[in-house]
C-alpha atoms as a PDB file:
ATOM      1  CA  MET A   1      -2.935 -12.382  16.571  1.00  0.00           C
ATOM      2  CA  LYS A   2      -0.622 -11.701  13.948  1.00  0.00           C
ATOM      3  CA  LYS A   3       0.912 -14.354  11.498  1.00  0.00           C
ATOM      4  CA  LEU A   4       4.466 -15.055  12.770  1.00  0.00           C
ATOM      5  CA  PRO A   5       7.048 -15.172  10.482  1.00  0.00           C
ATOM      6  CA  ILE A   6       7.658 -18.676  10.537  1.00  0.00           C
ATOM      7  CA  ASN A   7       6.850 -20.968   7.214  1.00  0.00           C
ATOM      8  CA  PHE A   8       6.643 -24.250   6.310  1.00  0.00           C
ATOM      9  CA  PHE A   9       7.543 -25.819   2.801  1.00  0.00           C
ATOM     10  CA  GLN A  10       8.069 -28.938   1.043  1.00  0.00           C
ATOM     11  CA  GLU A  11      10.471 -29.963  -1.292  1.00  0.00           C
ATOM     12  CA  GLU A  12       9.972 -33.787  -3.208  1.00  0.00           C
ATOM     13  CA  ILE A  13       7.562 -34.849  -1.033  1.00  0.00           C
ATOM     14  CA  LYS A  14       3.687 -34.017  -0.068  1.00  0.00           C
ATOM     15  CA  TYR A  15       3.692 -32.977   3.996  1.00  0.00           C
ATOM     16  CA  GLU A  16       1.144 -30.709   5.610  1.00  0.00           C
ATOM     17  CA  LEU A  17       1.973 -29.717   9.541  1.00  0.00           C
ATOM     18  CA  LYS A  18      -0.633 -29.990  11.932  1.00  0.00           C
ATOM     19  CA  ASN A  19      -1.341 -27.399  14.538  1.00  0.00           C
ATOM     20  CA  LYS A  20       1.091 -24.686  12.323  1.00  0.00           C
ATOM     21  CA  ASN A  21       0.139 -21.806  14.612  1.00  0.00           C
ATOM     22  CA  ILE A  22       0.628 -23.688  17.464  1.00  0.00           C
ATOM     23  CA  VAL A  23       4.013 -24.712  16.301  1.00  0.00           C
ATOM     24  CA  ARG A  24       4.478 -21.247  15.435  1.00  0.00           C
ATOM     25  CA  LYS A  25       3.796 -19.712  19.032  1.00  0.00           C
ATOM     26  CA  TRP A  26       5.496 -22.866  20.505  1.00  0.00           C
ATOM     27  CA  LEU A  27       8.870 -21.559  18.367  1.00  0.00           C
ATOM     28  CA  ASN A  28       8.487 -17.975  18.882  1.00  0.00           C
ATOM     29  CA  ASP A  29       8.105 -18.418  22.697  1.00  0.00           C
ATOM     30  CA  THR A  30      11.164 -20.283  22.828  1.00  0.00           C
ATOM     31  CA  ILE A  31      12.959 -17.928  21.039  1.00  0.00           C
ATOM     32  CA  ILE A  32      11.824 -15.007  23.349  1.00  0.00           C
ATOM     33  CA  ALA A  33      12.820 -17.179  26.029  1.00  0.00           C
ATOM     34  CA  GLU A  34      16.004 -17.644  25.161  1.00  0.00           C
ATOM     35  CA  ASN A  35      16.319 -13.963  24.822  1.00  0.00           C
ATOM     36  CA  HIS A  36      16.359 -13.725  20.792  1.00  0.00           C
ATOM     37  CA  GLU A  37      13.800 -11.997  18.574  1.00  0.00           C
ATOM     38  CA  LEU A  38      12.586 -13.629  15.298  1.00  0.00           C
ATOM     39  CA  GLU A  39      12.906 -12.604  12.010  1.00  0.00           C
ATOM     40  CA  THR A  40      12.261 -15.099   9.600  1.00  0.00           C
ATOM     41  CA  LEU A  41      12.548 -19.037  10.309  1.00  0.00           C
ATOM     42  CA  ASN A  42      11.773 -21.306   7.559  1.00  0.00           C
ATOM     43  CA  PHE A  43      11.064 -25.146   7.720  1.00  0.00           C
ATOM     44  CA  ILE A  44      11.890 -27.208   4.583  1.00  0.00           C
ATOM     45  CA  PHE A  45      10.144 -30.495   4.710  1.00  0.00           C
ATOM     46  CA  CYS A  46      12.098 -32.796   2.115  1.00  0.00           C
ATOM     47  CA  SER A  47      13.142 -36.452   1.383  1.00  0.00           C
ATOM     48  CA  ASP A  48      16.455 -38.089   2.241  1.00  0.00           C
ATOM     49  CA  ASP A  49      17.751 -37.747  -1.232  1.00  0.00           C
ATOM     50  CA  TYR A  50      16.919 -34.065  -1.449  1.00  0.00           C
ATOM     51  CA  LEU A  51      18.824 -33.475   2.099  1.00  0.00           C
ATOM     52  CA  LEU A  52      22.117 -35.880   1.093  1.00  0.00           C
ATOM     53  CA  THR A  53      22.025 -33.366  -2.401  1.00  0.00           C
ATOM     54  CA  ILE A  54      22.181 -30.370   0.222  1.00  0.00           C
ATOM     55  CA  ASN A  55      24.426 -32.086   2.447  1.00  0.00           C
ATOM     56  CA  LEU A  56      26.710 -32.990  -0.456  1.00  0.00           C
ATOM     57  CA  GLU A  57      26.989 -29.327  -1.966  1.00  0.00           C
ATOM     58  CA  TYR A  58      26.961 -27.135   1.021  1.00  0.00           C
ATOM     59  CA  LEU A  59      28.834 -29.393   3.585  1.00  0.00           C
ATOM     60  CA  ASN A  60      30.455 -31.726   1.777  1.00  0.00           C
ATOM     61  CA  HIS A  61      28.954 -34.594   3.715  1.00  0.00           C
ATOM     62  CA  ASP A  62      28.248 -37.620   1.949  1.00  0.00           C
ATOM     63  CA  THR A  63      25.598 -38.882   4.552  1.00  0.00           C
ATOM     64  CA  LEU A  64      21.913 -39.284   5.525  1.00  0.00           C
ATOM     65  CA  THR A  65      21.066 -36.717   8.315  1.00  0.00           C
ATOM     66  CA  ASP A  66      17.407 -35.672   9.527  1.00  0.00           C
ATOM     67  CA  ILE A  67      18.177 -32.306   9.636  1.00  0.00           C
ATOM     68  CA  ILE A  68      20.475 -29.140   8.276  1.00  0.00           C
ATOM     69  CA  THR A  69      20.347 -25.877   9.768  1.00  0.00           C
ATOM     70  CA  PHE A  70      21.169 -22.645   7.628  1.00  0.00           C
ATOM     71  CA  ASP A  71      21.655 -19.631   9.919  1.00  0.00           C
ATOM     72  CA  ASN A  72      20.847 -16.393   7.805  1.00  0.00           C
ATOM     73  CA  SER A  73      20.684 -14.080  10.793  1.00  0.00           C
ATOM     74  CA  ASN A  74      23.046 -10.452  10.594  1.00  0.00           C
ATOM     75  CA  ASN A  75      22.814 -10.105  13.996  1.00  0.00           C
ATOM     76  CA  ILE A  76      23.477 -12.327  17.048  1.00  0.00           C
ATOM     77  CA  SER A  77      19.929 -11.798  18.889  1.00  0.00           C
ATOM     78  CA  THR A  78      17.833 -12.046  15.845  1.00  0.00           C
ATOM     79  CA  ILE A  79      16.670 -15.512  14.582  1.00  0.00           C
ATOM     80  CA  THR A  80      16.627 -15.614  10.790  1.00  0.00           C
ATOM     81  CA  GLY A  81      17.444 -19.147   9.434  1.00  0.00           C
ATOM     82  CA  ASP A  82      16.262 -22.542   6.835  1.00  0.00           C
ATOM     83  CA  ILE A  83      15.947 -25.363   8.493  1.00  0.00           C
ATOM     84  CA  TYR A  84      16.046 -28.707   6.105  1.00  0.00           C
ATOM     85  CA  ILE A  85      14.171 -31.732   7.945  1.00  0.00           C
ATOM     86  CA  SER A  86      14.280 -35.091   5.828  1.00  0.00           C
ATOM     87  CA  LEU A  87      11.171 -36.670   6.923  1.00  0.00           C
ATOM     88  CA  ASP A  88      12.129 -39.984   6.052  1.00  0.00           C
ATOM     89  CA  ARG A  89      14.779 -39.896   8.549  1.00  0.00           C
ATOM     90  CA  VAL A  90      12.356 -38.736  11.091  1.00  0.00           C
ATOM     91  CA  LYS A  91      10.001 -41.309  10.479  1.00  0.00           C
ATOM     92  CA  GLU A  92      13.157 -44.192  10.739  1.00  0.00           C
ATOM     93  CA  ASN A  93      13.894 -42.340  14.022  1.00  0.00           C
ATOM     94  CA  SER A  94      10.532 -42.254  15.244  1.00  0.00           C
ATOM     95  CA  LYS A  95      10.761 -46.399  14.638  1.00  0.00           C
ATOM     96  CA  THR A  96      13.995 -46.727  16.017  1.00  0.00           C
ATOM     97  CA  PHE A  97      13.373 -44.463  19.158  1.00  0.00           C
ATOM     98  CA  LYS A  98       9.840 -45.749  19.842  1.00  0.00           C
ATOM     99  CA  THR A  99       8.253 -42.513  19.486  1.00  0.00           C
ATOM    100  CA  LYS A 100       5.507 -40.937  18.142  1.00  0.00           C
ATOM    101  CA  PHE A 101       6.412 -39.634  14.311  1.00  0.00           C
ATOM    102  CA  THR A 102       4.914 -35.951  15.576  1.00  0.00           C
ATOM    103  CA  ASP A 103       7.031 -36.205  18.828  1.00  0.00           C
ATOM    104  CA  GLU A 104      10.462 -37.128  16.430  1.00  0.00           C
ATOM    105  CA  LEU A 105       9.539 -34.203  14.265  1.00  0.00           C
ATOM    106  CA  HIS A 106       9.043 -31.601  17.195  1.00  0.00           C
ATOM    107  CA  ARG A 107      12.238 -32.509  18.664  1.00  0.00           C
ATOM    108  CA  VAL A 108      13.701 -32.050  15.348  1.00  0.00           C
ATOM    109  CA  ILE A 109      12.274 -29.019  14.663  1.00  0.00           C
ATOM    110  CA  ILE A 110      13.184 -27.301  18.230  1.00  0.00           C
ATOM    111  CA  HIS A 111      16.631 -29.082  17.768  1.00  0.00           C
ATOM    112  CA  GLY A 112      17.436 -26.891  14.732  1.00  0.00           C
ATOM    113  CA  THR A 113      15.473 -23.884  16.336  1.00  0.00           C
ATOM    114  CA  LEU A 114      18.075 -24.164  19.138  1.00  0.00           C
ATOM    115  CA  HIS A 115      21.029 -24.611  17.000  1.00  0.00           C
ATOM    116  CA  LEU A 116      20.101 -21.170  15.809  1.00  0.00           C
ATOM    117  CA  LEU A 117      20.185 -19.833  19.205  1.00  0.00           C
ATOM    118  CA  GLY A 118      23.795 -20.909  19.534  1.00  0.00           C
ATOM    119  CA  TYR A 119      23.174 -24.452  20.971  1.00  0.00           C
ATOM    120  CA  ASP A 120      25.759 -26.802  19.219  1.00  0.00           C
ATOM    121  CA  ASP A 121      26.247 -30.863  19.522  1.00  0.00           C
ATOM    122  CA  LYS A 122      30.112 -31.111  18.467  1.00  0.00           C
ATOM    123  CA  SER A 123      31.072 -32.303  21.958  1.00  0.00           C
ATOM    124  CA  ALA A 124      29.245 -34.834  24.455  1.00  0.00           C
ATOM    125  CA  LYS A 125      28.765 -31.637  26.956  1.00  0.00           C
ATOM    126  CA  ALA A 126      27.513 -29.546  24.469  1.00  0.00           C
ATOM    127  CA  LYS A 127      25.368 -32.318  23.359  1.00  0.00           C
ATOM    128  CA  MET A 128      24.029 -33.099  26.847  1.00  0.00           C
ATOM    129  CA  LYS A 129      23.123 -29.221  27.272  1.00  0.00           C
ATOM    130  CA  MET A 130      21.209 -29.261  24.014  1.00  0.00           C
ATOM    131  CA  THR A 131      19.317 -32.650  24.864  1.00  0.00           C
ATOM    132  CA  LYS A 132      18.139 -30.772  28.121  1.00  0.00           C
ATOM    133  CA  ALA A 133      17.016 -27.564  26.324  1.00  0.00           C
ATOM    134  CA  GLU A 134      14.985 -29.585  23.744  1.00  0.00           C
ATOM    135  CA  ASP A 135      13.667 -31.743  26.686  1.00  0.00           C
ATOM    136  CA  LYS A 136      12.828 -28.341  28.440  1.00  0.00           C
ATOM    137  CA  TYR A 137      10.846 -26.964  25.690  1.00  0.00           C
ATOM    138  CA  LEU A 138       8.919 -29.986  24.343  1.00  0.00           C
ATOM    139  CA  THR A 139       7.259 -29.970  27.799  1.00  0.00           C
ATOM    140  CA  LYS A 140       6.004 -26.208  26.813  1.00  0.00           C
ATOM    141  CA  ARG A 141       4.184 -27.645  24.090  1.00  0.00           C
ATOM    142  CA  ILE A 142       0.493 -27.206  24.063  1.00  0.00           C
ATOM    143  CA  PHE A 143      -1.418 -29.567  21.948  1.00  0.00           C
END
C-alpha cells in the first residue's frame, strides 16, 4: 500500500502519533465516504502558546482553542489543508470530558477533517450535524 499524503508534524512540543498508517487510512476512508479526494493533509501538533499566536495572527482571536483548520483546496471536491492542534487543549479537554487522551485527540483530528469536507459548527443545528458525523466516523476507527 502506498503512503497516503497525510503528514504529522510538531511545533514547540515533542509528540509522536501512534498508529500513523491506521490513522491515515481512517481519514482517507472518511474523505472517500464524503465523496471527496485527498490531495494533501497536514496535522501540526503544537502547544497552546503556538496555536494562540496563530489564532491572533490569522483570525484576530485572542482565545485558546484546540484546533484551527486552514483549507488550502483549489477544488471543492478535493482536500488540501493544514490542521493545527493544541495538545495542551486536547489534554485539558480529555480531563474535562473524562475521556482518554487518544480518543479526544482523534475527535479533534476528525473534527478538523470534517471542516475541510464542508461541515461547520457556527450554529447549533450545524454543530449537532457535525457532532453526529464525528461520532459516526469515530466508530469506524480500527485500533
